[in-house]
Amino acid sequence: MVNLEETSLERMEALLSHSAMGVHVLFDNQSIAKVLKEVSDDKDFYSFEKMKMVQDVMTALIAKKTYFEKMAYLQALDTESYQMLVRAYFHIVENTVRANHEHSH
């Protein structure tokens, strides 16, 4: 029997692999552009409080089993948590793409 953490990790890996190919199933392009356009400096992103918030929000997102549960969770987030999650998500996607690119050479 596969445990819940392994299942959640597999779901997250599937989302990241789709995102690495440009398919962002959790975020619409307009929201992504808006959040990323507003970022001029990542210094605020790396404070302990922000990283803890991102970790909590990401953990809760990953724990949602279905796409609809994930979407409902995202829609219920306050603006700051949503923006931090989008930023964190795309940092992860970017690092995943970079790591996979380096492994292929």
Protein backbone atom coordinates (compact mmCIF):
# COMPACT_ATOMS: atom_id res chain seq x y z
CA MET A 1 0.00 0.00 0.00
CA VAL A 2 1.35 3.40 -0.99
CA ASN A 3 1.39 5.90 1.83
CA LEU A 4 -0.17 9.35 1.64
CA GLU A 5 3.15 11.20 1.49
CA GLU A 6 4.33 9.17 -1.51
CA THR A 7 1.03 9.74 -3.29
CA SER A 8 1.17 13.48 -2.60
CA LEU A 9 4.76 13.64 -3.80
CA GLU A 10 3.85 11.79 -6.99
CA ARG A 11 1.00 14.26 -7.63
CA MET A 12 3.33 17.21 -7.09
CA GLU A 13 5.93 15.71 -9.43
CA ALA A 14 3.26 15.25 -12.10
CA LEU A 15 2.18 18.90 -11.73
CA LEU A 16 5.79 20.07 -11.94
CA SER A 17 6.50 17.98 -15.02
CA HIS A 18 3.44 19.44 -16.76
CA SER A 19 4.46 22.94 -15.71
CA ALA A 20 7.98 22.39 -16.99
CA MET A 21 6.38 21.78 -20.39
CA GLY A 22 4.37 25.01 -20.08
CA VAL A 23 1.08 23.44 -19.00
CA HIS A 24 0.02 25.12 -15.77
CA VAL A 25 -3.13 23.34 -14.67
CA LEU A 26 -3.49 25.10 -11.31
CA PHE A 27 -2.89 28.68 -12.41
CA ASP A 28 -4.33 30.61 -15.32
CA ASN A 29 -1.96 32.61 -17.49
CA GLN A 30 -3.46 35.94 -16.45
CA SER A 31 -2.88 35.25 -12.74
CA ILE A 32 0.65 34.02 -13.38
CA ALA A 33 1.53 37.11 -15.42
CA LYS A 34 0.00 39.45 -12.85
CA VAL A 35 1.85 37.92 -9.91
CA LEU A 36 5.20 37.61 -11.66
CA LYS A 37 4.95 41.10 -13.18
CA GLU A 38 4.56 42.63 -9.72
CA VAL A 39 7.80 41.04 -8.46
CA SER A 40 10.71 43.42 -8.75
CA ASP A 41 12.90 41.94 -6.03
CA ASP A 42 12.95 38.53 -4.38
CA LYS A 43 14.53 39.70 -1.11
CA ASP A 44 11.16 39.79 0.65
CA PHE A 45 10.49 36.26 -0.53
CA TYR A 46 13.29 34.74 1.52
CA SER A 47 12.36 35.97 4.99
CA PHE A 48 11.71 33.24 7.55
CA GLU A 49 8.07 34.28 7.92
CA LYS A 50 7.43 34.19 4.16
CA MET A 51 9.18 30.86 3.72
CA LYS A 52 7.13 29.38 6.57
CA MET A 53 3.92 30.71 5.00
CA VAL A 54 4.88 29.26 1.61
CA GLN A 55 5.73 25.91 3.18
CA ASP A 56 2.40 25.76 5.00
CA VAL A 57 0.38 26.79 1.95
CA MET A 58 2.28 24.43 -0.38
CA THR A 59 1.91 21.53 2.07
CA ALA A 60 -1.84 22.13 2.31
CA LEU A 61 -2.11 22.35 -1.49
CA ILE A 62 -0.22 19.11 -2.02
CA ALA A 63 -2.43 17.36 0.53
CA LYS A 64 -5.55 18.07 -1.53
CA LYS A 65 -6.43 14.92 -3.41
CA THR A 66 -8.35 16.14 -6.43
CA TYR A 67 -7.93 18.92 -8.93
CA PHE A 68 -11.20 20.47 -7.74
CA GLU A 69 -10.07 20.43 -4.10
CA LYS A 70 -6.82 22.11 -5.14
CA MET A 71 -8.66 24.77 -7.14
CA ALA A 72 -11.10 25.47 -4.29
CA TYR A 73 -8.16 25.80 -1.91
CA LEU A 74 -6.34 28.21 -4.23
CA GLN A 75 -9.47 30.34 -4.67
CA ALA A 76 -9.92 30.55 -0.90
CA LEU A 77 -6.39 31.84 -0.24
CA ASP A 78 -5.82 35.45 0.70
CA THR A 79 -4.01 37.53 -1.94
CA GLU A 80 -0.59 37.48 -0.27
CA SER A 81 -0.61 33.71 0.28
CA TYR A 82 -1.73 33.11 -3.30
CA GLN A 83 0.98 35.38 -4.70
CA MET A 84 3.66 33.77 -2.55
CA LEU A 85 2.50 30.33 -3.62
CA VAL A 86 2.64 31.24 -7.31
CA ARG A 87 6.13 32.67 -6.86
CA ALA A 88 7.33 29.59 -4.96
CA TYR A 89 5.73 27.25 -7.47
CA PHE A 90 7.51 28.91 -10.37
CA HIS A 91 10.81 28.96 -8.52
CA ILE A 92 10.41 25.19 -8.12
CA VAL A 93 9.44 24.76 -11.78
CA GLU A 94 12.39 26.85 -12.93
CA ASN A 95 14.81 24.89 -10.75
CA THR A 96 13.32 21.59 -11.94
CA VAL A 97 13.73 22.60 -15.58
CA ARG A 98 17.28 23.79 -14.93
CA ALA A 99 18.21 20.55 -13.11
CA ASN A 100 16.71 18.37 -15.84
CA HIS A 101 18.47 20.40 -18.52
CA GLU A 102 21.82 20.01 -16.76
CA HIS A 103 21.31 16.24 -16.42
CA SER A 104 20.61 15.88 -20.13
CA HIS A 105 24.01 17.29 -21.11
